[in-house]
Amino acid sequence: MAEEWREFACAPGLRIEAHERLVELQFTQVSIALSKIEATMERLERRLWLAVYGVVAAVLVQGVQQLLDMAA
């Protein structure tokens, strides 16, 4: 009979353990989601800078063409 008491686990203790595991899983999922969001933001930032550099290059090319037309 003493062995039966050793294996007994109370319901509140089991609920706390289950809640701790659930919270750990939720934090893991949030961490994974944040990693994906950060990677997406980095790609978006690279595309944005590429667009900015493209616009600056186009403006500079037009300015150089106008200067060459004036000199000719």
C-alpha atoms as a PDB file:
ATOM      1  CA  MET A   1       0.000   0.000   0.000  1.00  0.00           C
ATOM      2  CA  ALA A   2       2.923   2.339   0.592  1.00  0.00           C
ATOM      3  CA  GLU A   3       3.946   1.941  -3.043  1.00  0.00           C
ATOM      4  CA  GLU A   4       0.534   3.133  -4.195  1.00  0.00           C
ATOM      5  CA  TRP A   5       1.028   6.455  -2.414  1.00  0.00           C
ATOM      6  CA  ARG A   6       4.407   7.026  -4.055  1.00  0.00           C
ATOM      7  CA  GLU A   7       2.896   6.816  -7.529  1.00  0.00           C
ATOM      8  CA  PHE A   8      -0.033   9.062  -6.662  1.00  0.00           C
ATOM      9  CA  ALA A   9       0.063  12.493  -8.270  1.00  0.00           C
ATOM     10  CA  CYS A  10      -2.383  15.169  -7.264  1.00  0.00           C
ATOM     11  CA  ALA A  11      -4.533  16.916  -9.853  1.00  0.00           C
ATOM     12  CA  PRO A  12      -3.347  20.472  -9.097  1.00  0.00           C
ATOM     13  CA  GLY A  13       0.272  19.379  -9.460  1.00  0.00           C
ATOM     14  CA  LEU A  14      -0.480  17.777 -12.810  1.00  0.00           C
ATOM     15  CA  ARG A  15      -2.323  20.902 -13.950  1.00  0.00           C
ATOM     16  CA  ILE A  16       0.689  23.054 -13.060  1.00  0.00           C
ATOM     17  CA  GLU A  17       3.052  20.760 -14.962  1.00  0.00           C
ATOM     18  CA  ALA A  18       0.751  20.742 -17.989  1.00  0.00           C
ATOM     19  CA  HIS A  19       0.466  24.536 -17.850  1.00  0.00           C
ATOM     20  CA  GLU A  20       4.264  24.903 -17.663  1.00  0.00           C
ATOM     21  CA  ARG A  21       4.705  22.652 -20.697  1.00  0.00           C
ATOM     22  CA  LEU A  22       2.031  24.598 -22.580  1.00  0.00           C
ATOM     23  CA  VAL A  23       3.672  27.930 -21.754  1.00  0.00           C
ATOM     24  CA  GLU A  24       7.054  26.572 -22.879  1.00  0.00           C
ATOM     25  CA  LEU A  25       5.550  25.437 -26.188  1.00  0.00           C
ATOM     26  CA  GLN A  26       3.877  28.811 -26.667  1.00  0.00           C
ATOM     27  CA  PHE A  27       7.148  30.660 -26.066  1.00  0.00           C
ATOM     28  CA  THR A  28       8.883  28.365 -28.540  1.00  0.00           C
ATOM     29  CA  GLN A  29       6.218  29.041 -31.170  1.00  0.00           C
ATOM     30  CA  VAL A  30       6.386  32.798 -30.581  1.00  0.00           C
ATOM     31  CA  SER A  31      10.163  32.665 -30.932  1.00  0.00           C
ATOM     32  CA  ILE A  32       9.874  30.789 -34.221  1.00  0.00           C
ATOM     33  CA  ALA A  33       7.265  33.264 -35.495  1.00  0.00           C
ATOM     34  CA  LEU A  34       9.466  36.224 -34.538  1.00  0.00           C
ATOM     35  CA  SER A  35      12.429  34.665 -36.341  1.00  0.00           C
ATOM     36  CA  LYS A  36      10.337  34.320 -39.490  1.00  0.00           C
ATOM     37  CA  ILE A  37       9.114  37.924 -39.204  1.00  0.00           C
ATOM     38  CA  GLU A  38      12.676  39.188 -38.731  1.00  0.00           C
ATOM     39  CA  ALA A  39      13.871  37.280 -41.803  1.00  0.00           C
ATOM     40  CA  THR A  40      10.991  38.700 -43.848  1.00  0.00           C
ATOM     41  CA  MET A  41      11.770  42.222 -42.664  1.00  0.00           C
ATOM     42  CA  GLU A  42      15.441  41.834 -43.624  1.00  0.00           C
ATOM     43  CA  ARG A  43      14.460  40.720 -47.139  1.00  0.00           C
ATOM     44  CA  LEU A  44      12.027  43.611 -47.426  1.00  0.00           C
ATOM     45  CA  GLU A  45      14.686  46.068 -46.248  1.00  0.00           C
ATOM     46  CA  ARG A  46      17.130  44.782 -48.879  1.00  0.00           C
ATOM     47  CA  ARG A  47      14.504  45.207 -51.591  1.00  0.00           C
ATOM     48  CA  LEU A  48      13.712  48.713 -50.381  1.00  0.00           C
ATOM     49  CA  TRP A  49      17.359  49.776 -50.484  1.00  0.00           C
ATOM     50  CA  LEU A  50      17.719  48.236 -53.939  1.00  0.00           C
ATOM     51  CA  ALA A  51      14.752  50.324 -55.118  1.00  0.00           C
ATOM     52  CA  VAL A  52      16.230  53.476 -53.549  1.00  0.00           C
ATOM     53  CA  TYR A  53      19.601  52.882 -55.216  1.00  0.00           C
ATOM     54  CA  GLY A  54      17.827  52.232 -58.525  1.00  0.00           C
ATOM     55  CA  VAL A  55      15.950  55.544 -58.344  1.00  0.00           C
ATOM     56  CA  VAL A  56      19.128  57.443 -57.400  1.00  0.00           C
ATOM     57  CA  ALA A  57      20.992  55.815 -60.298  1.00  0.00           C
ATOM     58  CA  ALA A  58      18.223  56.743 -62.742  1.00  0.00           C
ATOM     59  CA  VAL A  59      18.227  60.364 -61.556  1.00  0.00           C
ATOM     60  CA  LEU A  60      22.012  60.547 -61.848  1.00  0.00           C
ATOM     61  CA  VAL A  61      21.935  59.065 -65.356  1.00  0.00           C
ATOM     62  CA  GLN A  62      19.371  61.659 -66.454  1.00  0.00           C
ATOM     63  CA  GLY A  63      21.471  64.443 -64.930  1.00  0.00           C
ATOM     64  CA  VAL A  64      24.601  63.251 -66.711  1.00  0.00           C
ATOM     65  CA  GLN A  65      22.704  62.952 -70.006  1.00  0.00           C
ATOM     66  CA  GLN A  66      21.447  66.521 -69.672  1.00  0.00           C
ATOM     67  CA  LEU A  67      24.966  67.758 -68.950  1.00  0.00           C
ATOM     68  CA  LEU A  68      26.302  65.920 -71.997  1.00  0.00           C
ATOM     69  CA  ASP A  69      23.510  67.361 -74.179  1.00  0.00           C
ATOM     70  CA  MET A  70      24.330  70.879 -72.970  1.00  0.00           C
ATOM     71  CA  ALA A  71      28.031  70.402 -73.715  1.00  0.00           C
ATOM     72  CA  ALA A  72      27.408  69.073 -77.195  1.00  0.00           C
END
